[in-house]
Amino acid sequence: MTAAERTAAGEDVPGEDVPGEEKPWDQVTPEAARKLLVAAVEAFAERGYHATTTRDIAGRAGMSPAALYIHYKTKEELLHRISRIGHDKALDILTAAYDRPGTPRERLAEAVRSFVRWHAGRHTTARVVQYELDALSDDHRAEIIELRRESDAVVRRLLDEGVAAGEFTVPDVPGTAVAILSLCIDVARWFNTQGRRTPDEVGAFYADLVLRMVGAPQDR
C-alpha cells in the first residue's frame, strides 16, 4: 500500500511529516537505518511483531535482508529502538508540560492535550510503541517499564500539586494517574484520520475530560 493509499485509509504514515511535528525518526542515522526503522513500524503495525519477518521489513525499505543486519542485529533490536525512542518522546512531552509555568490545572491540561495529540497524530507509531512490549527481551522490557514509571511519576506529581493547591479532588492519586495515562494511550488504538476530530481537537477534548475527572474548577 502506498503512502497516499494509507492516508486515504485513515492511517498516519510513519515516514512522512505531520503538520507541527518534527520529521519522524530524524534522530536515527544513517538514512538507511532510518528507512528500515520506518519500514519496521509500518510492518509491525500492519501485521504484528511476531508475524513480521526481517525480509518483510527489508522489502518495505527497498533493501535486501542482508542489508538490515548491517544496522540491526535482530528484529527485536529494531523493536527496542522504536519503543525506546517512542517512550523517550512520551516522557519528554509530559515533562515539558510539568515544567512549564502555570497552575497545576493548566499544566495537567497541557500534559493531557499534548500527550493525546502525539498519540493521535502518530497513532500507527504509537500503537507499536505502546502495545508490543511483550515482544521485547527481559532486559529491554525492564528498561521500557522504567520509562513508563517515570511518565507515571510526572502525572502523579501534577496531581499531588493540584491536591495540595486545592485545585483537584483526588482520593487515589496513583490510581488516577494510571487511569489518565491509560485513557490517553488508548487513543492510538482507535484514532482514525478520517474521523470527525483532528489530533488537536481530540487532545482538547481529553484535557477537558481529565480536568472533570480530577474535580478541577471549570472555565467560565
N, C-alpha and C. Protein backbone atom coordinates (compact mmCIF):
# COMPACT_ATOMS: atom_id res chain seq x y z
N MET A 1 0.85 -1.19 0.00
CA MET A 1 0.00 0.00 0.00
C MET A 1 0.89 1.25 0.00
N THR A 2 0.58 2.19 -0.88
CA THR A 2 1.38 3.40 -0.97
C THR A 2 1.05 4.35 0.18
N ALA A 3 1.89 5.40 0.33
CA ALA A 3 1.63 6.40 1.36
C ALA A 3 0.28 7.06 1.15
N ALA A 4 -0.03 7.37 -0.11
CA ALA A 4 -1.32 8.02 -0.40
C ALA A 4 -2.48 7.10 -0.05
N GLU A 5 -2.32 5.81 -0.34
CA GLU A 5 -3.39 4.86 -0.02
C GLU A 5 -3.56 4.71 1.48
N ARG A 6 -2.44 4.69 2.23
CA ARG A 6 -2.54 4.58 3.68
C ARG A 6 -3.22 5.81 4.27
N THR A 7 -2.90 6.98 3.71
CA THR A 7 -3.55 8.20 4.19
C THR A 7 -5.04 8.14 3.91
N ALA A 8 -5.41 7.69 2.71
CA ALA A 8 -6.83 7.59 2.35
C ALA A 8 -7.55 6.58 3.23
N ALA A 9 -6.80 5.58 3.71
CA ALA A 9 -7.41 4.55 4.56
C ALA A 9 -7.49 4.98 6.02
N GLY A 10 -7.02 6.18 6.30
CA GLY A 10 -7.12 6.67 7.67
C GLY A 10 -5.92 6.40 8.53
N GLU A 11 -4.76 6.13 7.93
CA GLU A 11 -3.55 5.85 8.69
C GLU A 11 -2.57 7.01 8.56
N ASP A 12 -1.83 7.29 9.65
CA ASP A 12 -0.71 8.19 9.52
C ASP A 12 0.41 7.42 8.83
N VAL A 13 1.34 8.12 8.23
CA VAL A 13 2.43 7.50 7.51
C VAL A 13 3.70 7.74 8.30
N PRO A 14 4.29 6.70 8.93
CA PRO A 14 5.40 6.90 9.84
C PRO A 14 6.58 7.63 9.23
N GLY A 15 6.79 7.53 7.93
CA GLY A 15 7.95 8.17 7.34
C GLY A 15 7.69 9.57 6.83
N GLU A 16 6.49 10.10 7.00
CA GLU A 16 6.17 11.41 6.46
C GLU A 16 5.87 12.40 7.57
N ASP A 17 5.95 13.67 7.23
CA ASP A 17 5.74 14.72 8.23
C ASP A 17 4.28 14.85 8.59
N VAL A 18 4.04 15.21 9.85
CA VAL A 18 2.72 15.60 10.33
C VAL A 18 2.81 17.07 10.66
N PRO A 19 1.85 17.91 10.20
CA PRO A 19 1.95 19.34 10.45
C PRO A 19 2.21 19.65 11.91
N GLY A 20 3.20 20.53 12.15
CA GLY A 20 3.52 20.95 13.50
C GLY A 20 4.44 20.00 14.24
N GLU A 21 4.86 18.91 13.58
CA GLU A 21 5.74 17.95 14.22
C GLU A 21 7.07 17.90 13.49
N GLU A 22 8.11 17.46 14.20
CA GLU A 22 9.39 17.25 13.57
C GLU A 22 9.32 16.05 12.64
N LYS A 23 10.29 15.93 11.73
CA LYS A 23 10.34 14.76 10.85
C LYS A 23 10.49 13.51 11.71
N PRO A 24 9.65 12.50 11.50
CA PRO A 24 9.71 11.32 12.36
C PRO A 24 11.03 10.58 12.24
N TRP A 25 11.55 10.17 13.41
CA TRP A 25 12.75 9.34 13.48
C TRP A 25 13.99 10.05 12.94
N ASP A 26 14.01 11.39 12.95
CA ASP A 26 15.15 12.10 12.39
C ASP A 26 16.41 11.92 13.23
N GLN A 27 16.26 11.37 14.46
CA GLN A 27 17.43 11.11 15.29
C GLN A 27 18.13 9.80 14.91
N VAL A 28 17.51 9.04 14.01
CA VAL A 28 18.08 7.75 13.60
C VAL A 28 18.94 7.96 12.36
N THR A 29 20.19 7.63 12.46
CA THR A 29 21.13 7.75 11.34
C THR A 29 21.95 6.47 11.24
N PRO A 30 22.49 6.18 10.03
CA PRO A 30 22.34 6.89 8.76
C PRO A 30 20.93 6.71 8.17
N GLU A 31 20.71 7.28 7.00
CA GLU A 31 19.38 7.26 6.40
C GLU A 31 18.87 5.85 6.17
N ALA A 32 19.77 4.92 5.84
CA ALA A 32 19.34 3.54 5.63
C ALA A 32 18.75 2.95 6.91
N ALA A 33 19.35 3.27 8.05
CA ALA A 33 18.84 2.78 9.33
C ALA A 33 17.47 3.38 9.62
N ARG A 34 17.30 4.66 9.27
CA ARG A 34 16.01 5.32 9.47
C ARG A 34 14.93 4.68 8.60
N LYS A 35 15.26 4.41 7.35
CA LYS A 35 14.29 3.80 6.45
C LYS A 35 13.87 2.41 6.94
N LEU A 36 14.81 1.67 7.45
CA LEU A 36 14.49 0.34 7.99
C LEU A 36 13.58 0.45 9.21
N LEU A 37 13.84 1.44 10.05
CA LEU A 37 13.01 1.63 11.23
C LEU A 37 11.59 2.04 10.84
N VAL A 38 11.46 2.94 9.88
CA VAL A 38 10.14 3.34 9.38
C VAL A 38 9.41 2.13 8.81
N ALA A 39 10.12 1.31 8.03
CA ALA A 39 9.51 0.11 7.45
C ALA A 39 9.08 -0.86 8.55
N ALA A 40 9.87 -0.97 9.60
CA ALA A 40 9.50 -1.86 10.71
C ALA A 40 8.25 -1.38 11.41
N VAL A 41 8.13 -0.09 11.64
CA VAL A 41 6.92 0.46 12.26
C VAL A 41 5.69 0.11 11.41
N GLU A 42 5.81 0.31 10.11
CA GLU A 42 4.68 0.02 9.23
C GLU A 42 4.31 -1.46 9.29
N ALA A 43 5.33 -2.32 9.23
CA ALA A 43 5.08 -3.76 9.22
C ALA A 43 4.52 -4.25 10.55
N PHE A 44 5.11 -3.80 11.65
CA PHE A 44 4.62 -4.23 12.97
C PHE A 44 3.18 -3.78 13.20
N ALA A 45 2.87 -2.55 12.77
CA ALA A 45 1.51 -2.03 12.95
C ALA A 45 0.51 -2.81 12.11
N GLU A 46 0.91 -3.20 10.91
CA GLU A 46 0.00 -3.88 10.00
C GLU A 46 -0.16 -5.36 10.32
N ARG A 47 0.97 -6.03 10.65
CA ARG A 47 0.95 -7.49 10.78
C ARG A 47 1.18 -7.98 12.19
N GLY A 48 1.67 -7.09 13.07
CA GLY A 48 2.07 -7.54 14.39
C GLY A 48 3.54 -7.95 14.38
N TYR A 49 4.18 -7.82 15.53
CA TYR A 49 5.61 -8.10 15.60
C TYR A 49 5.92 -9.54 15.21
N HIS A 50 5.22 -10.50 15.78
CA HIS A 50 5.57 -11.90 15.58
C HIS A 50 5.31 -12.38 14.16
N ALA A 51 4.34 -11.80 13.47
CA ALA A 51 4.03 -12.20 12.10
C ALA A 51 4.91 -11.51 11.07
N THR A 52 5.71 -10.57 11.50
CA THR A 52 6.58 -9.82 10.59
C THR A 52 7.96 -10.46 10.54
N THR A 53 8.51 -10.60 9.34
CA THR A 53 9.85 -11.15 9.19
C THR A 53 10.84 -10.04 8.83
N THR A 54 12.11 -10.32 9.01
CA THR A 54 13.12 -9.33 8.61
C THR A 54 13.08 -9.11 7.09
N ARG A 55 12.69 -10.13 6.35
CA ARG A 55 12.54 -9.97 4.90
C ARG A 55 11.41 -8.98 4.58
N ASP A 56 10.30 -9.05 5.33
CA ASP A 56 9.20 -8.09 5.15
C ASP A 56 9.72 -6.66 5.35
N ILE A 57 10.47 -6.46 6.42
CA ILE A 57 10.95 -5.12 6.76
C ILE A 57 11.91 -4.61 5.69
N ALA A 58 12.86 -5.45 5.32
CA ALA A 58 13.84 -5.03 4.31
C ALA A 58 13.16 -4.72 2.98
N GLY A 59 12.18 -5.55 2.61
CA GLY A 59 11.48 -5.32 1.35
C GLY A 59 10.74 -4.00 1.33
N ARG A 60 10.10 -3.64 2.44
CA ARG A 60 9.40 -2.35 2.53
C ARG A 60 10.37 -1.19 2.41
N ALA A 61 11.60 -1.39 2.89
CA ALA A 61 12.61 -0.33 2.83
C ALA A 61 13.35 -0.32 1.50
N GLY A 62 13.04 -1.27 0.62
CA GLY A 62 13.70 -1.35 -0.67
C GLY A 62 15.13 -1.87 -0.57
N MET A 63 15.37 -2.73 0.41
CA MET A 63 16.71 -3.26 0.63
C MET A 63 16.67 -4.78 0.67
N SER A 64 17.84 -5.38 0.65
CA SER A 64 17.94 -6.83 0.80
C SER A 64 17.93 -7.19 2.28
N PRO A 65 17.50 -8.40 2.63
CA PRO A 65 17.54 -8.81 4.04
C PRO A 65 18.93 -8.67 4.66
N ALA A 66 19.96 -8.93 3.87
CA ALA A 66 21.33 -8.82 4.40
C ALA A 66 21.65 -7.39 4.81
N ALA A 67 21.06 -6.40 4.10
CA ALA A 67 21.34 -5.00 4.42
C ALA A 67 20.80 -4.63 5.80
N LEU A 68 19.70 -5.28 6.21
CA LEU A 68 19.13 -4.96 7.53
C LEU A 68 20.12 -5.25 8.64
N TYR A 69 20.85 -6.36 8.51
CA TYR A 69 21.74 -6.78 9.60
C TYR A 69 22.98 -5.90 9.72
N ILE A 70 23.21 -5.06 8.75
CA ILE A 70 24.30 -4.08 8.88
C ILE A 70 23.97 -3.08 9.97
N HIS A 71 22.67 -2.77 10.13
CA HIS A 71 22.24 -1.72 11.05
C HIS A 71 21.58 -2.26 12.32
N TYR A 72 20.94 -3.42 12.23
CA TYR A 72 20.24 -4.01 13.38
C TYR A 72 20.56 -5.50 13.44
N LYS A 73 21.01 -5.96 14.60
CA LYS A 73 21.41 -7.36 14.71
C LYS A 73 20.22 -8.30 14.65
N THR A 74 19.09 -7.86 15.19
CA THR A 74 17.90 -8.71 15.24
C THR A 74 16.65 -7.87 15.02
N LYS A 75 15.55 -8.55 14.77
CA LYS A 75 14.25 -7.88 14.67
C LYS A 75 13.88 -7.26 16.01
N GLU A 76 14.22 -7.94 17.09
CA GLU A 76 13.91 -7.42 18.42
C GLU A 76 14.68 -6.13 18.71
N GLU A 77 15.89 -6.02 18.19
CA GLU A 77 16.66 -4.78 18.37
C GLU A 77 15.95 -3.61 17.70
N LEU A 78 15.36 -3.87 16.55
CA LEU A 78 14.57 -2.83 15.86
C LEU A 78 13.38 -2.40 16.72
N LEU A 79 12.66 -3.37 17.26
CA LEU A 79 11.51 -3.04 18.10
C LEU A 79 11.94 -2.26 19.33
N HIS A 80 13.06 -2.65 19.92
CA HIS A 80 13.55 -1.94 21.09
C HIS A 80 13.88 -0.49 20.75
N ARG A 81 14.51 -0.27 19.61
CA ARG A 81 14.85 1.11 19.21
C ARG A 81 13.58 1.94 19.03
N ILE A 82 12.59 1.35 18.37
CA ILE A 82 11.31 2.05 18.18
C ILE A 82 10.68 2.38 19.53
N SER A 83 10.64 1.39 20.40
CA SER A 83 10.00 1.56 21.71
C SER A 83 10.74 2.57 22.56
N ARG A 84 12.07 2.53 22.53
CA ARG A 84 12.85 3.46 23.35
C ARG A 84 12.64 4.90 22.89
N ILE A 85 12.71 5.13 21.58
CA ILE A 85 12.52 6.48 21.06
C ILE A 85 11.10 6.97 21.38
N GLY A 86 10.11 6.11 21.19
CA GLY A 86 8.73 6.50 21.45
C GLY A 86 8.48 6.81 22.92
N HIS A 87 9.02 6.00 23.81
CA HIS A 87 8.82 6.26 25.23
C HIS A 87 9.62 7.47 25.72
N ASP A 88 10.79 7.69 25.15
CA ASP A 88 11.52 8.92 25.47
C ASP A 88 10.70 10.14 25.06
N LYS A 89 10.09 10.07 23.88
CA LYS A 89 9.26 11.17 23.39
C LYS A 89 8.07 11.40 24.32
N ALA A 90 7.41 10.32 24.73
CA ALA A 90 6.26 10.44 25.62
C ALA A 90 6.66 11.10 26.94
N LEU A 91 7.79 10.68 27.49
CA LEU A 91 8.25 11.27 28.75
C LEU A 91 8.62 12.74 28.55
N ASP A 92 9.25 13.06 27.42
CA ASP A 92 9.59 14.46 27.13
C ASP A 92 8.35 15.34 27.08
N ILE A 93 7.28 14.84 26.45
CA ILE A 93 6.04 15.60 26.33
C ILE A 93 5.46 15.91 27.71
N LEU A 94 5.40 14.90 28.56
CA LEU A 94 4.84 15.08 29.89
C LEU A 94 5.72 15.98 30.76
N THR A 95 7.03 15.80 30.65
CA THR A 95 7.96 16.61 31.45
C THR A 95 7.91 18.07 31.04
N ALA A 96 7.81 18.33 29.74
CA ALA A 96 7.73 19.71 29.26
C ALA A 96 6.48 20.40 29.80
N ALA A 97 5.37 19.67 29.84
CA ALA A 97 4.14 20.25 30.39
C ALA A 97 4.27 20.49 31.89
N TYR A 98 4.91 19.56 32.59
CA TYR A 98 5.10 19.72 34.04
C TYR A 98 5.98 20.94 34.34
N ASP A 99 7.00 21.15 33.53
CA ASP A 99 7.98 22.22 33.79
C ASP A 99 7.52 23.60 33.36
N ARG A 100 6.45 23.69 32.61
CA ARG A 100 6.01 24.99 32.12
C ARG A 100 5.42 25.81 33.27
N PRO A 101 5.40 27.15 33.12
CA PRO A 101 4.75 27.97 34.16
C PRO A 101 3.25 27.71 34.17
N GLY A 102 2.63 27.99 35.30
CA GLY A 102 1.18 27.88 35.38
C GLY A 102 0.73 27.09 36.59
N THR A 103 -0.55 27.05 36.77
CA THR A 103 -1.15 26.32 37.89
C THR A 103 -1.13 24.82 37.59
N PRO A 104 -1.30 23.97 38.61
CA PRO A 104 -1.42 22.53 38.33
C PRO A 104 -2.53 22.21 37.33
N ARG A 105 -3.64 22.92 37.42
CA ARG A 105 -4.74 22.69 36.48
C ARG A 105 -4.30 22.97 35.04
N GLU A 106 -3.63 24.10 34.83
CA GLU A 106 -3.18 24.46 33.48
C GLU A 106 -2.13 23.48 32.97
N ARG A 107 -1.23 23.06 33.84
CA ARG A 107 -0.16 22.17 33.42
C ARG A 107 -0.67 20.74 33.17
N LEU A 108 -1.63 20.29 33.97
CA LEU A 108 -2.22 18.97 33.71
C LEU A 108 -2.98 18.99 32.39
N ALA A 109 -3.72 20.05 32.14
CA ALA A 109 -4.45 20.15 30.87
C ALA A 109 -3.48 20.11 29.69
N GLU A 110 -2.36 20.82 29.80
CA GLU A 110 -1.38 20.83 28.71
C GLU A 110 -0.73 19.45 28.56
N ALA A 111 -0.45 18.79 29.68
CA ALA A 111 0.14 17.45 29.62
C ALA A 111 -0.78 16.49 28.86
N VAL A 112 -2.05 16.49 29.20
CA VAL A 112 -3.00 15.59 28.54
C VAL A 112 -3.19 15.99 27.08
N ARG A 113 -3.35 17.28 26.83
CA ARG A 113 -3.57 17.77 25.46
C ARG A 113 -2.42 17.35 24.54
N SER A 114 -1.20 17.58 24.95
CA SER A 114 -0.04 17.29 24.10
C SER A 114 0.23 15.80 24.01
N PHE A 115 0.00 15.07 25.10
CA PHE A 115 0.22 13.63 25.11
C PHE A 115 -0.78 12.94 24.17
N VAL A 116 -2.03 13.35 24.24
CA VAL A 116 -3.06 12.78 23.36
C VAL A 116 -2.81 13.18 21.91
N ARG A 117 -2.41 14.43 21.70
CA ARG A 117 -2.16 14.87 20.33
C ARG A 117 -1.09 14.00 19.67
N TRP A 118 -0.03 13.66 20.40
CA TRP A 118 1.02 12.82 19.84
C TRP A 118 0.49 11.42 19.54
N HIS A 119 -0.29 10.85 20.45
CA HIS A 119 -0.80 9.50 20.24
C HIS A 119 -1.82 9.45 19.10
N ALA A 120 -2.50 10.55 18.83
CA ALA A 120 -3.43 10.61 17.69
C ALA A 120 -2.67 10.89 16.41
N GLY A 121 -1.82 11.92 16.42
CA GLY A 121 -1.09 12.30 15.21
C GLY A 121 -0.12 11.24 14.74
N ARG A 122 0.39 10.43 15.67
CA ARG A 122 1.32 9.35 15.34
C ARG A 122 0.72 8.00 15.73
N HIS A 123 -0.56 7.81 15.44
CA HIS A 123 -1.25 6.65 16.02
C HIS A 123 -0.69 5.31 15.55
N THR A 124 -0.20 5.21 14.32
CA THR A 124 0.39 3.96 13.87
C THR A 124 1.66 3.66 14.66
N THR A 125 2.52 4.65 14.75
CA THR A 125 3.75 4.51 15.54
C THR A 125 3.43 4.22 17.00
N ALA A 126 2.49 4.98 17.56
CA ALA A 126 2.17 4.84 18.98
C ALA A 126 1.62 3.45 19.30
N ARG A 127 0.88 2.86 18.38
CA ARG A 127 0.36 1.50 18.64
C ARG A 127 1.50 0.51 18.80
N VAL A 128 2.52 0.64 17.98
CA VAL A 128 3.68 -0.25 18.10
C VAL A 128 4.43 0.04 19.39
N VAL A 129 4.65 1.32 19.67
CA VAL A 129 5.37 1.72 20.88
C VAL A 129 4.68 1.21 22.14
N GLN A 130 3.37 1.35 22.19
CA GLN A 130 2.63 1.08 23.42
C GLN A 130 2.13 -0.36 23.57
N TYR A 131 1.96 -1.09 22.46
CA TYR A 131 1.27 -2.38 22.55
C TYR A 131 2.11 -3.59 22.13
N GLU A 132 3.40 -3.41 21.90
CA GLU A 132 4.24 -4.56 21.53
C GLU A 132 5.30 -4.84 22.59
N LEU A 133 5.07 -4.40 23.82
CA LEU A 133 6.07 -4.55 24.88
C LEU A 133 6.40 -6.00 25.17
N ASP A 134 5.43 -6.88 25.06
CA ASP A 134 5.64 -8.29 25.42
C ASP A 134 6.63 -8.98 24.49
N ALA A 135 6.89 -8.39 23.33
CA ALA A 135 7.84 -8.99 22.39
C ALA A 135 9.29 -8.63 22.71
N LEU A 136 9.50 -7.69 23.61
CA LEU A 136 10.85 -7.28 23.96
C LEU A 136 11.52 -8.32 24.85
N SER A 137 12.85 -8.34 24.81
CA SER A 137 13.61 -9.20 25.72
C SER A 137 13.39 -8.72 27.15
N ASP A 138 13.75 -9.56 28.12
CA ASP A 138 13.54 -9.19 29.51
C ASP A 138 14.27 -7.90 29.87
N ASP A 139 15.51 -7.78 29.45
CA ASP A 139 16.29 -6.57 29.77
C ASP A 139 15.70 -5.34 29.12
N HIS A 140 15.32 -5.46 27.85
CA HIS A 140 14.75 -4.31 27.15
C HIS A 140 13.38 -3.95 27.71
N ARG A 141 12.58 -4.95 28.07
CA ARG A 141 11.27 -4.67 28.65
C ARG A 141 11.42 -3.94 29.98
N ALA A 142 12.38 -4.36 30.78
CA ALA A 142 12.61 -3.69 32.07
C ALA A 142 13.01 -2.23 31.87
N GLU A 143 13.81 -1.98 30.85
CA GLU A 143 14.22 -0.60 30.55
C GLU A 143 13.02 0.27 30.17
N ILE A 144 12.15 -0.28 29.35
CA ILE A 144 10.97 0.48 28.91
C ILE A 144 9.98 0.67 30.05
N ILE A 145 9.81 -0.35 30.86
CA ILE A 145 8.91 -0.23 32.01
C ILE A 145 9.38 0.87 32.95
N GLU A 146 10.69 1.02 33.11
CA GLU A 146 11.21 2.10 33.95
C GLU A 146 10.84 3.47 33.37
N LEU A 147 10.90 3.61 32.06
CA LEU A 147 10.48 4.86 31.43
C LEU A 147 8.99 5.11 31.65
N ARG A 148 8.20 4.07 31.60
CA ARG A 148 6.77 4.22 31.85
C ARG A 148 6.51 4.64 33.30
N ARG A 149 7.32 4.12 34.21
CA ARG A 149 7.19 4.53 35.61
C ARG A 149 7.53 6.01 35.77
N GLU A 150 8.52 6.48 35.02
CA GLU A 150 8.88 7.90 35.09
C GLU A 150 7.74 8.77 34.57
N SER A 151 7.09 8.34 33.50
CA SER A 151 5.93 9.08 32.99
C SER A 151 4.81 9.11 34.03
N ASP A 152 4.57 7.97 34.64
CA ASP A 152 3.56 7.89 35.69
C ASP A 152 3.90 8.83 36.84
N ALA A 153 5.19 8.91 37.20
CA ALA A 153 5.60 9.77 38.31
C ALA A 153 5.35 11.24 38.00
N VAL A 154 5.52 11.65 36.75
CA VAL A 154 5.26 13.04 36.36
C VAL A 154 3.78 13.37 36.58
N VAL A 155 2.90 12.48 36.14
CA VAL A 155 1.46 12.72 36.30
C VAL A 155 1.09 12.72 37.78
N ARG A 156 1.68 11.82 38.55
CA ARG A 156 1.41 11.81 39.99
C ARG A 156 1.81 13.13 40.65
N ARG A 157 2.97 13.65 40.27
CA ARG A 157 3.42 14.93 40.86
C ARG A 157 2.45 16.05 40.53
N LEU A 158 1.96 16.06 39.30
CA LEU A 158 0.98 17.08 38.92
C LEU A 158 -0.29 16.95 39.75
N LEU A 159 -0.74 15.73 39.95
CA LEU A 159 -1.95 15.51 40.75
C LEU A 159 -1.71 15.90 42.21
N ASP A 160 -0.57 15.50 42.75
CA ASP A 160 -0.25 15.86 44.14
C ASP A 160 -0.23 17.37 44.32
N GLU A 161 0.37 18.09 43.38
CA GLU A 161 0.44 19.55 43.48
C GLU A 161 -0.94 20.17 43.36
N GLY A 162 -1.77 19.60 42.50
CA GLY A 162 -3.13 20.12 42.37
C GLY A 162 -3.96 19.90 43.62
N VAL A 163 -3.78 18.73 44.25
CA VAL A 163 -4.49 18.45 45.51
C VAL A 163 -4.00 19.41 46.59
N ALA A 164 -2.68 19.59 46.68
CA ALA A 164 -2.11 20.48 47.70
C ALA A 164 -2.57 21.92 47.51
N ALA A 165 -2.78 22.33 46.27
CA ALA A 165 -3.21 23.70 45.98
C ALA A 165 -4.72 23.87 46.11
N GLY A 166 -5.44 22.78 46.37
CA GLY A 166 -6.89 22.85 46.48
C GLY A 166 -7.59 22.90 45.14
N GLU A 167 -6.86 22.59 44.05
CA GLU A 167 -7.46 22.62 42.71
C GLU A 167 -8.10 21.29 42.31
N PHE A 168 -7.58 20.17 42.85
CA PHE A 168 -8.07 18.85 42.48
C PHE A 168 -8.65 18.14 43.70
N THR A 169 -9.65 17.30 43.43
CA THR A 169 -10.17 16.38 44.44
C THR A 169 -9.88 14.97 43.96
N VAL A 170 -8.80 14.39 44.48
CA VAL A 170 -8.34 13.08 44.01
C VAL A 170 -8.05 12.19 45.21
N PRO A 171 -8.97 11.33 45.63
CA PRO A 171 -8.74 10.47 46.78
C PRO A 171 -7.62 9.44 46.55
N ASP A 172 -7.44 9.01 45.30
CA ASP A 172 -6.45 7.97 44.97
C ASP A 172 -5.56 8.49 43.85
N VAL A 173 -4.45 9.12 44.22
CA VAL A 173 -3.56 9.70 43.21
C VAL A 173 -2.92 8.63 42.33
N PRO A 174 -2.33 7.56 42.88
CA PRO A 174 -1.73 6.55 42.00
C PRO A 174 -2.72 5.94 41.01
N GLY A 175 -3.90 5.59 41.50
CA GLY A 175 -4.91 5.01 40.61
C GLY A 175 -5.38 5.97 39.55
N THR A 176 -5.52 7.24 39.92
CA THR A 176 -5.96 8.24 38.96
C THR A 176 -4.90 8.50 37.90
N ALA A 177 -3.62 8.49 38.29
CA ALA A 177 -2.54 8.67 37.32
C ALA A 177 -2.55 7.55 36.29
N VAL A 178 -2.73 6.32 36.74
CA VAL A 178 -2.81 5.18 35.82
C VAL A 178 -4.01 5.34 34.88
N ALA A 179 -5.14 5.76 35.42
CA ALA A 179 -6.34 5.93 34.60
C ALA A 179 -6.14 7.00 33.53
N ILE A 180 -5.50 8.11 33.91
CA ILE A 180 -5.26 9.19 32.95
C ILE A 180 -4.35 8.72 31.82
N LEU A 181 -3.24 8.09 32.18
CA LEU A 181 -2.30 7.63 31.15
C LEU A 181 -2.95 6.57 30.26
N SER A 182 -3.72 5.66 30.84
CA SER A 182 -4.38 4.62 30.05
C SER A 182 -5.38 5.23 29.07
N LEU A 183 -6.12 6.21 29.54
CA LEU A 183 -7.10 6.90 28.69
C LEU A 183 -6.40 7.56 27.50
N CYS A 184 -5.30 8.23 27.77
CA CYS A 184 -4.57 8.94 26.71
C CYS A 184 -3.94 7.97 25.71
N ILE A 185 -3.29 6.93 26.22
CA ILE A 185 -2.60 5.98 25.36
C ILE A 185 -3.57 5.24 24.44
N ASP A 186 -4.77 4.96 24.93
CA ASP A 186 -5.74 4.20 24.15
C ASP A 186 -6.18 4.92 22.89
N VAL A 187 -5.94 6.23 22.83
CA VAL A 187 -6.27 6.98 21.61
C VAL A 187 -5.57 6.38 20.40
N ALA A 188 -4.35 5.90 20.58
CA ALA A 188 -3.60 5.32 19.46
C ALA A 188 -4.29 4.11 18.87
N ARG A 189 -5.07 3.42 19.69
CA ARG A 189 -5.74 2.20 19.23
C ARG A 189 -6.91 2.50 18.32
N TRP A 190 -7.65 3.59 18.58
CA TRP A 190 -8.89 3.81 17.82
C TRP A 190 -8.84 5.01 16.88
N PHE A 191 -7.85 5.90 17.02
CA PHE A 191 -7.89 7.14 16.24
C PHE A 191 -7.81 6.85 14.74
N ASN A 192 -8.62 7.59 13.99
CA ASN A 192 -8.65 7.48 12.54
C ASN A 192 -8.62 8.88 11.95
N THR A 193 -7.70 9.11 11.03
CA THR A 193 -7.56 10.45 10.46
C THR A 193 -8.78 10.88 9.66
N GLN A 194 -9.64 9.93 9.30
CA GLN A 194 -10.86 10.29 8.56
C GLN A 194 -12.03 10.55 9.50
N GLY A 195 -11.78 10.50 10.81
CA GLY A 195 -12.83 10.77 11.78
C GLY A 195 -13.18 12.24 11.84
N ARG A 196 -14.12 12.58 12.72
CA ARG A 196 -14.61 13.95 12.73
C ARG A 196 -13.76 14.89 13.56
N ARG A 197 -12.78 14.37 14.33
CA ARG A 197 -11.92 15.23 15.14
C ARG A 197 -10.47 15.11 14.70
N THR A 198 -9.76 16.24 14.72
CA THR A 198 -8.33 16.26 14.46
C THR A 198 -7.58 15.87 15.73
N PRO A 199 -6.27 15.59 15.63
CA PRO A 199 -5.49 15.32 16.85
C PRO A 199 -5.57 16.46 17.87
N ASP A 200 -5.55 17.71 17.40
CA ASP A 200 -5.66 18.84 18.32
C ASP A 200 -7.01 18.84 19.03
N GLU A 201 -8.06 18.54 18.29
CA GLU A 201 -9.40 18.54 18.87
C GLU A 201 -9.58 17.41 19.88
N VAL A 202 -9.02 16.24 19.55
CA VAL A 202 -9.09 15.12 20.49
C VAL A 202 -8.31 15.46 21.76
N GLY A 203 -7.13 16.10 21.57
CA GLY A 203 -6.34 16.49 22.73
C GLY A 203 -7.10 17.44 23.64
N ALA A 204 -7.76 18.42 23.06
CA ALA A 204 -8.53 19.38 23.87
C ALA A 204 -9.70 18.69 24.56
N PHE A 205 -10.36 17.79 23.85
CA PHE A 205 -11.50 17.06 24.43
C PHE A 205 -11.05 16.22 25.63
N TYR A 206 -9.94 15.51 25.49
CA TYR A 206 -9.44 14.67 26.58
C TYR A 206 -8.94 15.52 27.74
N ALA A 207 -8.35 16.67 27.46
CA ALA A 207 -7.90 17.54 28.55
C ALA A 207 -9.10 17.96 29.40
N ASP A 208 -10.20 18.28 28.75
CA ASP A 208 -11.41 18.65 29.49
C ASP A 208 -11.95 17.47 30.28
N LEU A 209 -11.93 16.27 29.69
CA LEU A 209 -12.39 15.07 30.40
C LEU A 209 -11.57 14.83 31.67
N VAL A 210 -10.25 14.95 31.54
CA VAL A 210 -9.37 14.67 32.68
C VAL A 210 -9.56 15.71 33.78
N LEU A 211 -9.72 16.98 33.40
CA LEU A 211 -9.96 18.01 34.41
C LEU A 211 -11.26 17.73 35.17
N ARG A 212 -12.27 17.25 34.47
CA ARG A 212 -13.51 16.88 35.16
C ARG A 212 -13.28 15.67 36.07
N MET A 213 -12.45 14.74 35.60
CA MET A 213 -12.15 13.54 36.39
C MET A 213 -11.52 13.89 37.73
N VAL A 214 -10.64 14.89 37.74
CA VAL A 214 -9.93 15.24 38.97
C VAL A 214 -10.64 16.33 39.77
N GLY A 215 -11.83 16.73 39.32
CA GLY A 215 -12.60 17.72 40.06
C GLY A 215 -12.06 19.11 39.97
N ALA A 216 -11.36 19.43 38.88
CA ALA A 216 -10.81 20.78 38.73
C ALA A 216 -11.93 21.76 38.39
N PRO A 217 -11.83 23.00 38.87
CA PRO A 217 -12.84 24.01 38.54
C PRO A 217 -12.85 24.25 37.04
N GLN A 218 -14.04 24.42 36.48
CA GLN A 218 -14.17 24.62 35.04
C GLN A 218 -14.07 26.10 34.69
N ASP A 219 -13.58 26.34 33.46
CA ASP A 219 -13.53 27.72 32.96
C ASP A 219 -14.94 28.27 32.84
N ARG A 220 -15.06 29.55 33.10
CA ARG A 220 -16.37 30.18 32.97
C ARG A 220 -16.34 31.21 31.85
